[in-house]
C-alpha atoms as a PDB file:
ATOM      1  CA  MET A   1     -27.673 -41.548 -22.264  1.00  0.00           C
ATOM      2  CA  VAL A   2     -28.573 -45.070 -20.972  1.00  0.00           C
ATOM      3  CA  SER A   3     -31.525 -46.836 -22.671  1.00  0.00           C
ATOM      4  CA  ASP A   4     -33.435 -50.076 -22.207  1.00  0.00           C
ATOM      5  CA  ALA A   5     -34.511 -52.003 -24.962  1.00  0.00           C
ATOM      6  CA  CYS A   6     -38.166 -53.240 -25.465  1.00  0.00           C
ATOM      7  CA  PHE A   7     -39.600 -55.395 -28.443  1.00  0.00           C
ATOM      8  CA  ALA A   8     -42.804 -55.295 -30.279  1.00  0.00           C
ATOM      9  CA  ASP A   9     -44.751 -58.391 -31.524  1.00  0.00           C
ATOM     10  CA  ASN A  10     -43.118 -57.625 -35.127  1.00  0.00           C
ATOM     11  CA  GLY A  11     -39.701 -58.224 -33.426  1.00  0.00           C
ATOM     12  CA  SER A  12     -38.476 -54.564 -33.865  1.00  0.00           C
ATOM     13  CA  MET A  13     -36.583 -53.011 -31.028  1.00  0.00           C
ATOM     14  CA  THR A  14     -37.354 -49.703 -29.481  1.00  0.00           C
ATOM     15  CA  ALA A  15     -35.616 -47.713 -26.772  1.00  0.00           C
ATOM     16  CA  LYS A  16     -36.626 -45.645 -23.841  1.00  0.00           C
ATOM     17  CA  THR A  17     -34.416 -43.160 -22.170  1.00  0.00           C
ATOM     18  CA  SER A  18     -33.019 -43.451 -18.718  1.00  0.00           C
ATOM     19  CA  SER A  19     -35.714 -40.897 -17.649  1.00  0.00           C
ATOM     20  CA  GLY A  20     -38.298 -43.512 -18.776  1.00  0.00           C
ATOM     21  CA  ALA A  21     -39.400 -41.195 -21.699  1.00  0.00           C
ATOM     22  CA  ALA A  22     -39.976 -42.528 -25.172  1.00  0.00           C
ATOM     23  CA  PRO A  23     -37.509 -40.666 -27.425  1.00  0.00           C
ATOM     24  CA  LYS A  24     -38.539 -37.854 -29.721  1.00  0.00           C
ATOM     25  CA  LYS A  25     -38.699 -38.818 -33.369  1.00  0.00           C
ATOM     26  CA  GLY A  26     -36.477 -36.750 -35.419  1.00  0.00           C
ATOM     27  CA  GLY A  27     -38.222 -34.313 -37.899  1.00  0.00           C
ATOM     28  CA  GLN A  28     -41.500 -35.236 -37.067  1.00  0.00           C
ATOM     29  CA  ASP A  29     -44.001 -32.396 -36.325  1.00  0.00           C
ATOM     30  CA  ARG A  30     -47.051 -34.515 -35.327  1.00  0.00           C
ATOM     31  CA  HIS A  31     -47.533 -35.528 -31.812  1.00  0.00           C
ATOM     32  CA  TYR A  32     -48.996 -38.864 -30.919  1.00  0.00           C
ATOM     33  CA  ARG A  33     -52.282 -37.832 -29.483  1.00  0.00           C
ATOM     34  CA  VAL A  34     -53.528 -39.441 -26.164  1.00  0.00           C
ATOM     35  CA  VAL A  35     -56.812 -38.977 -24.209  1.00  0.00           C
ATOM     36  CA  LEU A  36     -57.007 -40.021 -20.594  1.00  0.00           C
ATOM     37  CA  ALA A  37     -60.139 -41.457 -18.813  1.00  0.00           C
ATOM     38  CA  ASP A  38     -59.686 -41.999 -14.937  1.00  0.00           C
ATOM     39  CA  ASP A  39     -62.151 -40.793 -12.195  1.00  0.00           C
ATOM     40  CA  HIS A  40     -58.931 -39.750 -10.132  1.00  0.00           C
ATOM     41  CA  ARG A  41     -57.873 -36.265 -11.206  1.00  0.00           C
ATOM     42  CA  GLU A  42     -54.587 -36.515  -9.429  1.00  0.00           C
ATOM     43  CA  LEU A  43     -53.640 -39.608 -11.443  1.00  0.00           C
ATOM     44  CA  ARG A  44     -54.692 -37.854 -14.712  1.00  0.00           C
ATOM     45  CA  LEU A  45     -52.526 -34.823 -13.836  1.00  0.00           C
ATOM     46  CA  TRP A  46     -49.521 -37.216 -13.152  1.00  0.00           C
ATOM     47  CA  LEU A  47     -50.019 -39.096 -16.265  1.00  0.00           C
ATOM     48  CA  LYS A  48     -50.351 -35.858 -18.303  1.00  0.00           C
ATOM     49  CA  ARG A  49     -47.032 -34.408 -16.889  1.00  0.00           C
ATOM     50  CA  GLU A  50     -45.162 -37.838 -17.404  1.00  0.00           C
ATOM     51  CA  LEU A  51     -46.526 -38.288 -21.046  1.00  0.00           C
ATOM     52  CA  GLU A  52     -45.675 -34.817 -22.134  1.00  0.00           C
ATOM     53  CA  ASP A  53     -42.211 -34.505 -20.430  1.00  0.00           C
ATOM     54  CA  GLY A  54     -39.703 -34.613 -23.260  1.00  0.00           C
ATOM     55  CA  THR A  55     -41.787 -37.064 -25.684  1.00  0.00           C
ATOM     56  CA  ASP A  56     -43.641 -36.706 -28.819  1.00  0.00           C
ATOM     57  CA  LEU A  57     -46.846 -37.526 -26.744  1.00  0.00           C
ATOM     58  CA  LYS A  58     -49.526 -34.945 -26.365  1.00  0.00           C
ATOM     59  CA  VAL A  59     -52.623 -35.280 -24.029  1.00  0.00           C
ATOM     60  CA  VAL A  60     -55.447 -33.858 -26.075  1.00  0.00           C
ATOM     61  CA  GLY A  61     -58.267 -34.644 -23.580  1.00  0.00           C
ATOM     62  CA  GLU A  62     -59.227 -35.911 -20.209  1.00  0.00           C
ATOM     63  CA  ALA A  63     -62.468 -37.501 -18.924  1.00  0.00           C
ATOM     64  CA  ASP A  64     -63.764 -38.560 -15.398  1.00  0.00           C
ATOM     65  CA  ASP A  65     -65.493 -41.712 -16.845  1.00  0.00           C
ATOM     66  CA  GLY A  66     -66.285 -43.518 -20.124  1.00  0.00           C
ATOM     67  CA  LEU A  67     -69.448 -41.637 -21.134  1.00  0.00           C
ATOM     68  CA  GLU A  68     -67.340 -38.354 -21.036  1.00  0.00           C
ATOM     69  CA  LEU A  69     -64.682 -39.914 -22.944  1.00  0.00           C
ATOM     70  CA  LEU A  70     -67.140 -41.046 -25.656  1.00  0.00           C
ATOM     71  CA  GLU A  71     -68.650 -37.548 -25.690  1.00  0.00           C
ATOM     72  CA  LEU A  72     -65.117 -36.135 -26.445  1.00  0.00           C
ATOM     73  CA  LEU A  73     -64.536 -38.565 -29.329  1.00  0.00           C
ATOM     74  CA  GLY A  74     -68.071 -37.876 -30.825  1.00  0.00           C
ATOM     75  CA  PRO A  75     -68.662 -36.324 -34.096  1.00  0.00           C
ATOM     76  CA  GLY A  76     -66.311 -33.440 -34.820  1.00  0.00           C
ATOM     77  CA  GLY A  77     -64.336 -34.388 -31.530  1.00  0.00           C
ATOM     78  CA  LEU A  78     -61.045 -35.292 -30.614  1.00  0.00           C
ATOM     79  CA  GLN A  79     -59.095 -37.805 -32.740  1.00  0.00           C
ATOM     80  CA  PRO A  80     -56.563 -39.447 -30.540  1.00  0.00           C
ATOM     81  CA  ASP A  81     -54.179 -42.045 -31.487  1.00  0.00           C
ATOM     82  CA  MET A  82     -54.528 -43.801 -28.033  1.00  0.00           C
ATOM     83  CA  ALA A  83     -56.943 -43.989 -25.201  1.00  0.00           C
ATOM     84  CA  ILE A  84     -55.630 -44.676 -21.645  1.00  0.00           C
ATOM     85  CA  VAL A  85     -58.617 -45.889 -19.634  1.00  0.00           C
ATOM     86  CA  ASP A  86     -59.251 -47.034 -16.067  1.00  0.00           C
ATOM     87  CA  ILE A  87     -61.377 -50.092 -15.683  1.00  0.00           C
ATOM     88  CA  SER A  88     -63.129 -48.802 -12.544  1.00  0.00           C
ATOM     89  CA  MET A  89     -65.125 -45.681 -13.435  1.00  0.00           C
ATOM     90  CA  PRO A  90     -68.619 -44.274 -12.558  1.00  0.00           C
ATOM     91  CA  ARG A  91     -71.253 -44.339 -15.287  1.00  0.00           C
ATOM     92  CA  LEU A  92     -69.458 -46.395 -17.819  1.00  0.00           C
ATOM     93  CA  GLY A  93     -66.326 -48.535 -16.986  1.00  0.00           C
ATOM     94  CA  GLY A  94     -63.217 -49.046 -18.847  1.00  0.00           C
ATOM     95  CA  ILE A  95     -63.915 -52.412 -20.473  1.00  0.00           C
ATOM     96  CA  GLU A  96     -67.295 -51.378 -22.030  1.00  0.00           C
ATOM     97  CA  THR A  97     -65.613 -48.039 -22.946  1.00  0.00           C
ATOM     98  CA  ALA A  98     -62.775 -49.980 -24.664  1.00  0.00           C
ATOM     99  CA  ARG A  99     -65.510 -51.987 -26.510  1.00  0.00           C
ATOM    100  CA  LYS A 100     -67.212 -48.917 -27.800  1.00  0.00           C
ATOM    101  CA  ILE A 101     -64.210 -47.267 -28.692  1.00  0.00           C
ATOM    102  CA  LYS A 102     -62.921 -50.035 -30.953  1.00  0.00           C
ATOM    103  CA  ARG A 103     -66.417 -50.467 -32.532  1.00  0.00           C
ATOM    104  CA  ARG A 104     -66.725 -46.823 -33.418  1.00  0.00           C
ATOM    105  CA  TYR A 105     -63.141 -45.793 -33.782  1.00  0.00           C
ATOM    106  CA  PRO A 106     -61.214 -48.856 -34.639  1.00  0.00           C
ATOM    107  CA  ASP A 107     -57.938 -47.040 -35.271  1.00  0.00           C
ATOM    108  CA  VAL A 108     -57.717 -45.720 -31.709  1.00  0.00           C
ATOM    109  CA  LYS A 109     -55.424 -47.879 -29.636  1.00  0.00           C
ATOM    110  CA  VAL A 110     -56.671 -48.683 -26.099  1.00  0.00           C
ATOM    111  CA  LEU A 111     -54.372 -49.095 -23.068  1.00  0.00           C
ATOM    112  CA  ILE A 112     -56.281 -50.134 -19.826  1.00  0.00           C
ATOM    113  CA  MET A 113     -54.534 -49.016 -16.763  1.00  0.00           C
ATOM    114  CA  THR A 114     -55.861 -50.668 -13.540  1.00  0.00           C
ATOM    115  CA  VAL A 115     -55.383 -51.849 -10.035  1.00  0.00           C
ATOM    116  CA  HIS A 116     -56.951 -55.081 -10.877  1.00  0.00           C
ATOM    117  CA  ASN A 117     -54.361 -57.773 -10.776  1.00  0.00           C
ATOM    118  CA  ASP A 118     -56.566 -60.469 -12.178  1.00  0.00           C
ATOM    119  CA  GLY A 119     -56.538 -62.548 -15.185  1.00  0.00           C
ATOM    120  CA  GLU A 120     -60.431 -62.258 -15.527  1.00  0.00           C
ATOM    121  CA  TYR A 121     -60.263 -58.604 -15.960  1.00  0.00           C
ATOM    122  CA  LEU A 122     -57.274 -59.058 -18.453  1.00  0.00           C
ATOM    123  CA  ASP A 123     -59.429 -61.452 -20.538  1.00  0.00           C
ATOM    124  CA  GLU A 124     -62.312 -59.266 -20.852  1.00  0.00           C
ATOM    125  CA  ALA A 125     -60.178 -56.162 -21.596  1.00  0.00           C
ATOM    126  CA  ILE A 126     -58.575 -58.034 -24.578  1.00  0.00           C
ATOM    127  CA  ALA A 127     -62.010 -59.395 -25.656  1.00  0.00           C
ATOM    128  CA  ALA A 128     -63.195 -55.964 -25.795  1.00  0.00           C
ATOM    129  CA  GLY A 129     -60.339 -55.007 -28.063  1.00  0.00           C
ATOM    130  CA  ALA A 130     -57.835 -53.292 -25.795  1.00  0.00           C
ATOM    131  CA  GLU A 131     -54.258 -53.473 -26.992  1.00  0.00           C
ATOM    132  CA  GLY A 132     -52.725 -53.248 -23.571  1.00  0.00           C
ATOM    133  CA  TYR A 133     -53.360 -53.898 -19.962  1.00  0.00           C
ATOM    134  CA  LEU A 134     -51.005 -52.087 -17.411  1.00  0.00           C
ATOM    135  CA  LEU A 135     -51.188 -52.229 -13.572  1.00  0.00           C
ATOM    136  CA  LYS A 136     -51.203 -48.781 -12.019  1.00  0.00           C
ATOM    137  CA  GLY A 137     -48.491 -49.909  -9.652  1.00  0.00           C
ATOM    138  CA  ASP A 138     -46.377 -50.686 -12.530  1.00  0.00           C
ATOM    139  CA  ALA A 139     -46.900 -47.428 -14.423  1.00  0.00           C
ATOM    140  CA  GLY A 140     -43.866 -45.558 -13.184  1.00  0.00           C
ATOM    141  CA  LEU A 141     -41.638 -48.227 -14.764  1.00  0.00           C
ATOM    142  CA  GLU A 142     -43.628 -49.583 -17.566  1.00  0.00           C
ATOM    143  CA  LEU A 143     -45.942 -46.899 -18.944  1.00  0.00           C
ATOM    144  CA  PHE A 144     -43.615 -45.799 -21.892  1.00  0.00           C
ATOM    145  CA  MET A 145     -42.711 -49.412 -22.650  1.00  0.00           C
ATOM    146  CA  ALA A 146     -46.440 -50.179 -22.979  1.00  0.00           C
ATOM    147  CA  ILE A 147     -47.204 -47.277 -25.074  1.00  0.00           C
ATOM    148  CA  GLU A 148     -44.373 -47.843 -27.429  1.00  0.00           C
ATOM    149  CA  MET A 149     -45.083 -51.469 -27.871  1.00  0.00           C
ATOM    150  CA  ILE A 150     -48.715 -50.675 -28.655  1.00  0.00           C
ATOM    151  CA  ARG A 151     -47.704 -47.904 -31.095  1.00  0.00           C
ATOM    152  CA  ARG A 152     -45.773 -50.349 -32.975  1.00  0.00           C
ATOM    153  CA  GLY A 153     -48.481 -52.843 -33.215  1.00  0.00           C
ATOM    154  CA  GLY A 154     -47.957 -54.960 -30.258  1.00  0.00           C
ATOM    155  CA  ILE A 155     -50.014 -56.085 -27.409  1.00  0.00           C
ATOM    156  CA  TYR A 156     -48.772 -55.059 -23.868  1.00  0.00           C
ATOM    157  CA  LEU A 157     -49.475 -56.994 -20.816  1.00  0.00           C
ATOM    158  CA  SER A 158     -48.205 -56.142 -17.283  1.00  0.00           C
ATOM    159  CA  PRO A 159     -45.837 -59.076 -16.160  1.00  0.00           C
ATOM    160  CA  ARG A 160     -47.308 -59.200 -12.801  1.00  0.00           C
ATOM    161  CA  ILE A 161     -50.961 -60.086 -13.580  1.00  0.00           C
ATOM    162  CA  GLU A 162     -52.085 -63.276 -11.820  1.00  0.00           C
ATOM    163  CA  ASN A 163     -53.444 -65.963 -13.938  1.00  0.00           C
ATOM    164  CA  GLY A 164     -56.876 -67.014 -12.548  1.00  0.00           C
END
């Protein structure tokens, strides 16, 4: 099996398989729980399929916008390890959603996934507490690398972001 290496901020090396999937952790019963927030249902379906195909990732909830996501996380609600959030959503956008998640649920990691290839949005996302910023156009190649880096305590930024 072919694998590509990626590095977290702490210098540890991880691998992803040639299928692009993060490898399963041996002997681990617990899934890494992910919630998705994007107003495009087709993208959420694709993400769920990709994330759950041969990995220890489990999509435990989906939302059309930030308000719906916050309702899912409310008292007695979902307890995800990570939220993958679009920036441009109706009612409550991704940056404000990330800010509220980090304030209310500081242990939940936030990966912003967006079409905005703009350093200004990146700066706002990081200031809001997001641990990652992934361009949707790069998701096919970089999604698992981003998730794994964030899981290990690193910050992930798509390499093609334009600096303002």
